C-alpha atoms as a PDB file:
ATOM      1  CA  MET A   1       3.877 -33.290 -23.428  1.00  0.00           C
ATOM      2  CA  ASN A   2       3.661 -31.400 -26.738  1.00  0.00           C
ATOM      3  CA  ASP A   3       4.382 -27.687 -27.191  1.00  0.00           C
ATOM      4  CA  GLU A   4       0.708 -26.704 -26.908  1.00  0.00           C
ATOM      5  CA  ASN A   5       0.277 -28.497 -23.584  1.00  0.00           C
ATOM      6  CA  LYS A   6       3.535 -26.987 -22.287  1.00  0.00           C
ATOM      7  CA  LYS A   7       2.323 -23.503 -23.143  1.00  0.00           C
ATOM      8  CA  LEU A   8      -1.083 -24.163 -21.535  1.00  0.00           C
ATOM      9  CA  GLU A   9       0.669 -25.398 -18.392  1.00  0.00           C
ATOM     10  CA  ALA A  10       2.770 -22.215 -18.377  1.00  0.00           C
ATOM     11  CA  VAL A  11      -0.437 -20.186 -18.723  1.00  0.00           C
ATOM     12  CA  ARG A  12      -2.015 -22.096 -15.830  1.00  0.00           C
ATOM     13  CA  LYS A  13       1.017 -21.528 -13.577  1.00  0.00           C
ATOM     14  CA  SER A  14       1.141 -17.817 -14.390  1.00  0.00           C
ATOM     15  CA  CYS A  15      -2.595 -17.501 -13.684  1.00  0.00           C
ATOM     16  CA  VAL A  16      -2.203 -19.304 -10.339  1.00  0.00           C
ATOM     17  CA  ALA A  17       0.514 -16.822  -9.368  1.00  0.00           C
ATOM     18  CA  ALA A  18      -1.530 -13.868 -10.637  1.00  0.00           C
ATOM     19  CA  LYS A  19      -4.625 -15.083  -8.763  1.00  0.00           C
ATOM     20  CA  ALA A  20      -2.608 -15.407  -5.527  1.00  0.00           C
ATOM     21  CA  ALA A  21      -1.266 -11.870  -5.968  1.00  0.00           C
ATOM     22  CA  SER A  22      -4.799 -10.586  -6.700  1.00  0.00           C
ATOM     23  CA  VAL A  23      -6.125 -12.245  -3.528  1.00  0.00           C
ATOM     24  CA  ILE A  24      -3.405 -10.590  -1.424  1.00  0.00           C
ATOM     25  CA  VAL A  25      -4.103  -7.178  -2.975  1.00  0.00           C
ATOM     26  CA  MET A  26      -7.862  -7.679  -2.522  1.00  0.00           C
ATOM     27  CA  ILE A  27      -7.432  -8.529   1.181  1.00  0.00           C
ATOM     28  CA  LEU A  28      -5.247  -5.444   1.688  1.00  0.00           C
ATOM     29  CA  PHE A  29      -7.820  -3.232  -0.046  1.00  0.00           C
ATOM     30  CA  ILE A  30     -10.661  -4.742   2.032  1.00  0.00           C
ATOM     31  CA  ALA A  31      -8.733  -4.003   5.235  1.00  0.00           C
ATOM     32  CA  ALA A  32      -7.906  -0.457   4.094  1.00  0.00           C
ATOM     33  CA  THR A  33     -11.518   0.174   3.020  1.00  0.00           C
ATOM     34  CA  THR A  34     -12.867  -1.078   6.364  1.00  0.00           C
ATOM     35  CA  MET A  35     -10.455   1.052   8.410  1.00  0.00           C
ATOM     36  CA  SER A  36     -11.073   4.104   6.234  1.00  0.00           C
ATOM     37  CA  LEU A  37     -14.856   3.695   6.541  1.00  0.00           C
ATOM     38  CA  ALA A  38     -14.675   3.275  10.308  1.00  0.00           C
ATOM     39  CA  GLY A  39     -12.318   6.244  10.711  1.00  0.00           C
ATOM     40  CA  GLY A  40     -14.422   8.519   8.533  1.00  0.00           C
ATOM     41  CA  LEU A  41     -17.657   7.662  10.350  1.00  0.00           C
ATOM     42  CA  VAL A  42     -16.079   8.149  13.779  1.00  0.00           C
ATOM     43  CA  LEU A  43     -14.732  11.570  12.777  1.00  0.00           C
ATOM     44  CA  MET A  44     -18.104  12.668  11.383  1.00  0.00           C
ATOM     45  CA  LEU A  45     -20.324  11.252  14.136  1.00  0.00           C
ATOM     46  CA  LYS A  46     -18.101  12.486  16.977  1.00  0.00           C
ATOM     47  CA  SER A  47     -17.018  15.714  15.295  1.00  0.00           C
ATOM     48  CA  GLU A  48     -18.118  18.035  18.098  1.00  0.00           C
ATOM     49  CA  ALA A  49     -16.300  16.101  20.835  1.00  0.00           C
ATOM     50  CA  THR A  50     -13.189  15.755  18.688  1.00  0.00           C
ATOM     51  CA  ASP A  51     -13.153  19.468  17.823  1.00  0.00           C
ATOM     52  CA  ASN A  52     -13.456  20.336  21.510  1.00  0.00           C
ATOM     53  CA  LYS A  53     -10.409  18.189  22.288  1.00  0.00           C
ATOM     54  CA  ILE A  54      -8.452  19.897  19.506  1.00  0.00           C
ATOM     55  CA  GLU A  55      -9.415  23.362  20.746  1.00  0.00           C
ATOM     56  CA  LYS A  56      -8.408  22.456  24.311  1.00  0.00           C
ATOM     57  CA  ARG A  57      -5.104  21.164  23.017  1.00  0.00           C
ATOM     58  CA  PHE A  58      -4.342  24.499  21.357  1.00  0.00           C
ATOM     59  CA  ALA A  59      -6.008  26.746  23.943  1.00  0.00           C
ATOM     60  CA  GLY A  60      -3.972  29.741  25.025  1.00  0.00           C
ATOM     61  CA  ILE A  61      -1.754  30.008  21.948  1.00  0.00           C
ATOM     62  CA  ASN A  62      -0.979  33.585  20.938  1.00  0.00           C
ATOM     63  CA  GLU A  63      -0.639  33.016  17.217  1.00  0.00           C
ATOM     64  CA  ASP A  64      -2.599  31.131  14.547  1.00  0.00           C
ATOM     65  CA  LYS A  65      -1.420  27.636  13.650  1.00  0.00           C
ATOM     66  CA  GLU A  66      -1.918  26.397  10.112  1.00  0.00           C
ATOM     67  CA  ILE A  67      -2.945  22.769   9.581  1.00  0.00           C
ATOM     68  CA  SER A  68      -1.970  21.311   6.223  1.00  0.00           C
ATOM     69  CA  ILE A  69      -1.541  17.917   4.592  1.00  0.00           C
ATOM     70  CA  GLY A  70       1.206  18.284   2.043  1.00  0.00           C
ATOM     71  CA  LYS A  71       0.426  21.377  -0.023  1.00  0.00           C
ATOM     72  CA  TYR A  72      -3.271  21.358   0.919  1.00  0.00           C
ATOM     73  CA  HIS A  73      -4.303  23.841   3.607  1.00  0.00           C
ATOM     74  CA  ILE A  74      -7.058  22.394   5.789  1.00  0.00           C
ATOM     75  CA  ALA A  75      -7.718  24.807   8.644  1.00  0.00           C
ATOM     76  CA  THR A  76      -6.365  27.449  10.975  1.00  0.00           C
ATOM     77  CA  ILE A  77      -6.403  27.050  14.757  1.00  0.00           C
ATOM     78  CA  GLY A  78      -5.866  30.093  16.936  1.00  0.00           C
ATOM     79  CA  ARG A  79      -7.553  32.749  19.002  1.00  0.00           C
ATOM     80  CA  ASP A  80     -10.735  32.478  16.923  1.00  0.00           C
ATOM     81  CA  GLY A  81     -10.942  28.710  17.418  1.00  0.00           C
ATOM     82  CA  ILE A  82     -10.947  26.341  14.438  1.00  0.00           C
ATOM     83  CA  VAL A  83     -11.484  27.983  11.055  1.00  0.00           C
ATOM     84  CA  VAL A  84     -11.848  25.443   8.229  1.00  0.00           C
ATOM     85  CA  ASP A  85     -10.498  26.443   4.825  1.00  0.00           C
ATOM     86  CA  LYS A  86     -13.314  27.303   2.392  1.00  0.00           C
ATOM     87  CA  LYS A  87     -11.876  24.907  -0.202  1.00  0.00           C
ATOM     88  CA  MET A  88     -12.273  21.992   2.236  1.00  0.00           C
ATOM     89  CA  GLU A  89     -15.968  22.566   2.932  1.00  0.00           C
ATOM     90  CA  VAL A  90     -18.344  19.788   1.870  1.00  0.00           C
ATOM     91  CA  THR A  91     -21.119  20.671  -0.604  1.00  0.00           C
ATOM     92  CA  SER A  92     -23.962  18.872  -2.370  1.00  0.00           C
ATOM     93  CA  SER A  93     -26.280  19.542  -5.301  1.00  0.00           C
ATOM     94  CA  ILE A  94     -29.194  18.396  -3.102  1.00  0.00           C
ATOM     95  CA  PRO A  95     -30.504  21.496  -1.233  1.00  0.00           C
ATOM     96  CA  THR A  96     -31.313  19.676   2.035  1.00  0.00           C
ATOM     97  CA  LEU A  97     -27.907  17.994   2.166  1.00  0.00           C
ATOM     98  CA  ASN A  98     -26.164  21.185   1.148  1.00  0.00           C
ATOM     99  CA  ALA A  99     -27.795  23.072   4.027  1.00  0.00           C
ATOM    100  CA  TYR A 100     -26.709  20.308   6.430  1.00  0.00           C
ATOM    101  CA  PHE A 101     -23.148  20.304   5.063  1.00  0.00           C
ATOM    102  CA  ALA A 102     -22.973  24.119   5.241  1.00  0.00           C
ATOM    103  CA  GLN A 103     -23.630  23.887   8.959  1.00  0.00           C
ATOM    104  CA  LYS A 104     -21.350  20.908   9.604  1.00  0.00           C
ATOM    105  CA  SER A 105     -18.481  22.135   7.400  1.00  0.00           C
ATOM    106  CA  LYS A 106     -17.474  24.534  10.171  1.00  0.00           C
ATOM    107  CA  SER A 107     -16.261  21.441  12.038  1.00  0.00           C
ATOM    108  CA  LEU A 108     -12.705  20.327  11.252  1.00  0.00           C
ATOM    109  CA  SER A 109     -13.405  16.720  12.289  1.00  0.00           C
ATOM    110  CA  PHE A 110     -16.557  16.523  10.139  1.00  0.00           C
ATOM    111  CA  VAL A 111     -14.730  17.845   7.075  1.00  0.00           C
ATOM    112  CA  LEU A 112     -11.819  15.446   7.590  1.00  0.00           C
ATOM    113  CA  GLY A 113     -14.276  12.561   8.082  1.00  0.00           C
ATOM    114  CA  ALA A 114     -16.121  13.436   4.864  1.00  0.00           C
ATOM    115  CA  HIS A 115     -12.881  13.453   2.883  1.00  0.00           C
ATOM    116  CA  VAL A 116     -11.820  10.154   4.462  1.00  0.00           C
ATOM    117  CA  LEU A 117     -15.141   8.670   3.269  1.00  0.00           C
ATOM    118  CA  LEU A 118     -14.347   9.882  -0.254  1.00  0.00           C
ATOM    119  CA  ILE A 119     -11.076   7.972  -0.001  1.00  0.00           C
ATOM    120  CA  THR A 120     -13.134   4.982   1.189  1.00  0.00           C
ATOM    121  CA  VAL A 121     -15.149   5.076  -2.043  1.00  0.00           C
ATOM    122  CA  PHE A 122     -11.934   5.031  -4.079  1.00  0.00           C
ATOM    123  CA  LEU A 123     -10.587   2.120  -2.009  1.00  0.00           C
ATOM    124  CA  ALA A 124     -13.871   0.238  -2.480  1.00  0.00           C
ATOM    125  CA  ILE A 125     -13.533   0.677  -6.244  1.00  0.00           C
ATOM    126  CA  LEU A 126     -10.003  -0.746  -6.084  1.00  0.00           C
ATOM    127  CA  THR A 127     -11.323  -3.671  -4.013  1.00  0.00           C
ATOM    128  CA  VAL A 128     -13.979  -4.454  -6.629  1.00  0.00           C
ATOM    129  CA  SER A 129     -11.344  -4.181  -9.370  1.00  0.00           C
ATOM    130  CA  ALA A 130      -9.014  -6.625  -7.586  1.00  0.00           C
ATOM    131  CA  THR A 131     -11.931  -9.037  -7.071  1.00  0.00           C
ATOM    132  CA  LEU A 132     -12.882  -8.928 -10.762  1.00  0.00           C
ATOM    133  CA  ILE A 133      -9.282  -9.528 -11.827  1.00  0.00           C
ATOM    134  CA  MET A 134      -8.983 -12.450  -9.395  1.00  0.00           C
ATOM    135  CA  ASN A 135     -12.186 -14.002 -10.804  1.00  0.00           C
ATOM    136  CA  VAL A 136     -10.842 -13.803 -14.359  1.00  0.00           C
ATOM    137  CA  PHE A 137      -7.663 -15.682 -13.423  1.00  0.00           C
ATOM    138  CA  ASP A 138      -9.712 -18.206 -11.448  1.00  0.00           C
ATOM    139  CA  ILE A 139     -11.887 -18.988 -14.475  1.00  0.00           C
ATOM    140  CA  ILE A 140      -8.832 -19.397 -16.738  1.00  0.00           C
ATOM    141  CA  ILE A 141      -7.394 -21.911 -14.232  1.00  0.00           C
ATOM    142  CA  LYS A 142     -10.676 -23.854 -14.097  1.00  0.00           C
ATOM    143  CA  GLU A 143     -11.220 -23.784 -17.866  1.00  0.00           C
ATOM    144  CA  GLY A 144      -7.642 -24.839 -18.583  1.00  0.00           C
ATOM    145  CA  ASN A 145      -7.445 -22.468 -21.550  1.00  0.00           C
ATOM    146  CA  PRO A 146      -7.643 -18.661 -21.795  1.00  0.00           C
ATOM    147  CA  PHE A 147      -9.495 -18.788 -25.120  1.00  0.00           C
ATOM    148  CA  THR A 148     -12.950 -20.002 -24.103  1.00  0.00           C
ATOM    149  CA  GLU A 149     -16.322 -18.269 -24.341  1.00  0.00           C
ATOM    150  CA  LYS A 150     -16.648 -18.215 -20.542  1.00  0.00           C
ATOM    151  CA  VAL A 151     -13.262 -16.535 -20.076  1.00  0.00           C
ATOM    152  CA  LYS A 152     -13.964 -14.074 -22.886  1.00  0.00           C
ATOM    153  CA  ARG A 153     -17.344 -13.147 -21.372  1.00  0.00           C
ATOM    154  CA  LYS A 154     -15.981 -12.763 -17.831  1.00  0.00           C
ATOM    155  CA  LEU A 155     -12.960 -10.753 -18.977  1.00  0.00           C
ATOM    156  CA  THR A 156     -15.174  -8.467 -21.070  1.00  0.00           C
ATOM    157  CA  ILE A 157     -17.512  -7.863 -18.116  1.00  0.00           C
ATOM    158  CA  ALA A 158     -14.571  -7.175 -15.783  1.00  0.00           C
ATOM    159  CA  MET A 159     -12.915  -4.721 -18.171  1.00  0.00           C
ATOM    160  CA  THR A 160     -16.237  -2.988 -18.935  1.00  0.00           C
ATOM    161  CA  VAL A 161     -16.831  -2.452 -15.209  1.00  0.00           C
ATOM    162  CA  LEU A 162     -13.262  -1.198 -14.791  1.00  0.00           C
ATOM    163  CA  SER A 163     -13.739   1.167 -17.747  1.00  0.00           C
ATOM    164  CA  ALA A 164     -16.832   2.623 -16.070  1.00  0.00           C
ATOM    165  CA  MET A 165     -14.932   3.031 -12.809  1.00  0.00           C
ATOM    166  CA  VAL A 166     -12.057   4.783 -14.572  1.00  0.00           C
ATOM    167  CA  PHE A 167     -14.564   7.017 -16.391  1.00  0.00           C
ATOM    168  CA  PHE A 168     -16.203   8.182 -13.145  1.00  0.00           C
ATOM    169  CA  THR A 169     -12.959   8.550 -11.156  1.00  0.00           C
ATOM    170  CA  ALA A 170     -10.265   9.632 -13.625  1.00  0.00           C
ATOM    171  CA  GLY A 171     -12.405  11.439 -16.229  1.00  0.00           C
ATOM    172  CA  ILE A 172     -13.712  11.037 -19.761  1.00  0.00           C
ATOM    173  CA  GLY A 173     -10.279  10.831 -21.423  1.00  0.00           C
ATOM    174  CA  PHE A 174      -8.971   7.922 -19.363  1.00  0.00           C
ATOM    175  CA  GLY A 175     -12.408   6.268 -19.435  1.00  0.00           C
ATOM    176  CA  ALA A 176     -12.503   6.420 -23.233  1.00  0.00           C
ATOM    177  CA  LEU A 177      -8.937   5.087 -23.455  1.00  0.00           C
ATOM    178  CA  PHE A 178      -9.778   2.168 -21.169  1.00  0.00           C
ATOM    179  CA  GLY A 179     -12.931   1.536 -23.225  1.00  0.00           C
ATOM    180  CA  ILE A 180     -10.866   1.260 -26.419  1.00  0.00           C
ATOM    181  CA  VAL A 181      -8.442  -1.108 -24.651  1.00  0.00           C
ATOM    182  CA  THR A 182     -11.442  -3.214 -23.552  1.00  0.00           C
ATOM    183  CA  TRP A 183     -12.700  -3.386 -27.133  1.00  0.00           C
ATOM    184  CA  ALA A 184      -9.231  -4.385 -28.392  1.00  0.00           C
ATOM    185  CA  VAL A 185      -8.894  -7.126 -25.760  1.00  0.00           C
ATOM    186  CA  TYR A 186     -12.379  -8.398 -26.658  1.00  0.00           C
ATOM    187  CA  THR A 187     -11.513  -8.695 -30.362  1.00  0.00           C
ATOM    188  CA  ILE A 188      -8.243 -10.499 -29.517  1.00  0.00           C
ATOM    189  CA  MET A 189     -10.063 -12.928 -27.216  1.00  0.00           C
ATOM    190  CA  ASP A 190     -12.786 -13.458 -29.827  1.00  0.00           C
ATOM    191  CA  TYR A 191     -10.197 -14.305 -32.490  1.00  0.00           C
ATOM    192  CA  GLY A 192      -8.421 -16.652 -30.069  1.00  0.00           C
ATOM    193  CA  CYS A 193     -11.704 -18.456 -29.355  1.00  0.00           C
ATOM    194  CA  VAL A 194     -12.311 -18.896 -33.095  1.00  0.00           C
ATOM    195  CA  LEU A 195      -8.821 -20.341 -33.593  1.00  0.00           C
ATOM    196  CA  LYS A 196      -9.309 -22.725 -30.653  1.00  0.00           C
ATOM    197  CA  THR A 197     -12.638 -23.912 -32.065  1.00  0.00           C
ATOM    198  CA  GLN A 198     -11.065 -24.520 -35.483  1.00  0.00           C
ATOM    199  CA  SER A 199      -8.164 -26.390 -33.858  1.00  0.00           C
ATOM    200  CA  ASP A 200     -10.551 -28.590 -31.845  1.00  0.00           C
ATOM    201  CA  GLU A 201     -12.591 -29.370 -34.963  1.00  0.00           C
ATOM    202  CA  THR A 202      -9.436 -30.257 -36.894  1.00  0.00           C
ATOM    203  CA  LEU A 203      -8.352 -32.657 -34.140  1.00  0.00           C
END
C-alpha cells in the first residue's frame, strides 16, 4: 500500500468514526426535539387546567412568590393569582395571532409552552445540521475520496444550509462569517478536485 492509499484509508476511517458520532448526536437531537415538541404542545393545549393546579398548589399564601429560571423572571404567584411577566408574553406581527396571544399570554402554562416550542425549533435546526453532516461523511466513505464532484456538491449544499440557519438564529454577523467559511471550503474542495483529476489523467 503506497502513501496515497494509506492516507485515503486514514480518511475513510476518520469519516467512519465521524459518521458514527454524527448519527449518535442526530438521534439525541431527534429525541430532544420530540420531547420538547410534546411538552410544549401539552403545556399550551392544557394551559387552563395546568394553571388551575398551580394556583391550587399556592392557594392561601400570604406573600407573592417569584418564579424565575436563572436570571429570567417568568411570573409572580400570590394573592392576585398568576401574573406573567410582561417580557415573557408571546406576540406576533399578524394581527389575528397577536390578539389570540394577548389573551393567552395571561396563562403561565401557555407562555412556558410557547417558549418550549421555540426551543423545539432550535433543536430541529440542530437535528437537520447533524443529518447534513452525517450525509457528507457517508458520501466520502462511499466515494472513497474526499475530493470528488459529488462530495464537493453535497458539502457545499450542507454548509450553505447551515449558513442560512446560522443567519436566522445567530444574526447577520455570524451568518456572514459562516458564509465566508463556506466559500473558502468550496474553493479548497474545488482545487482538490482539480488536482485529483490531473493525478488520474497522469496515471
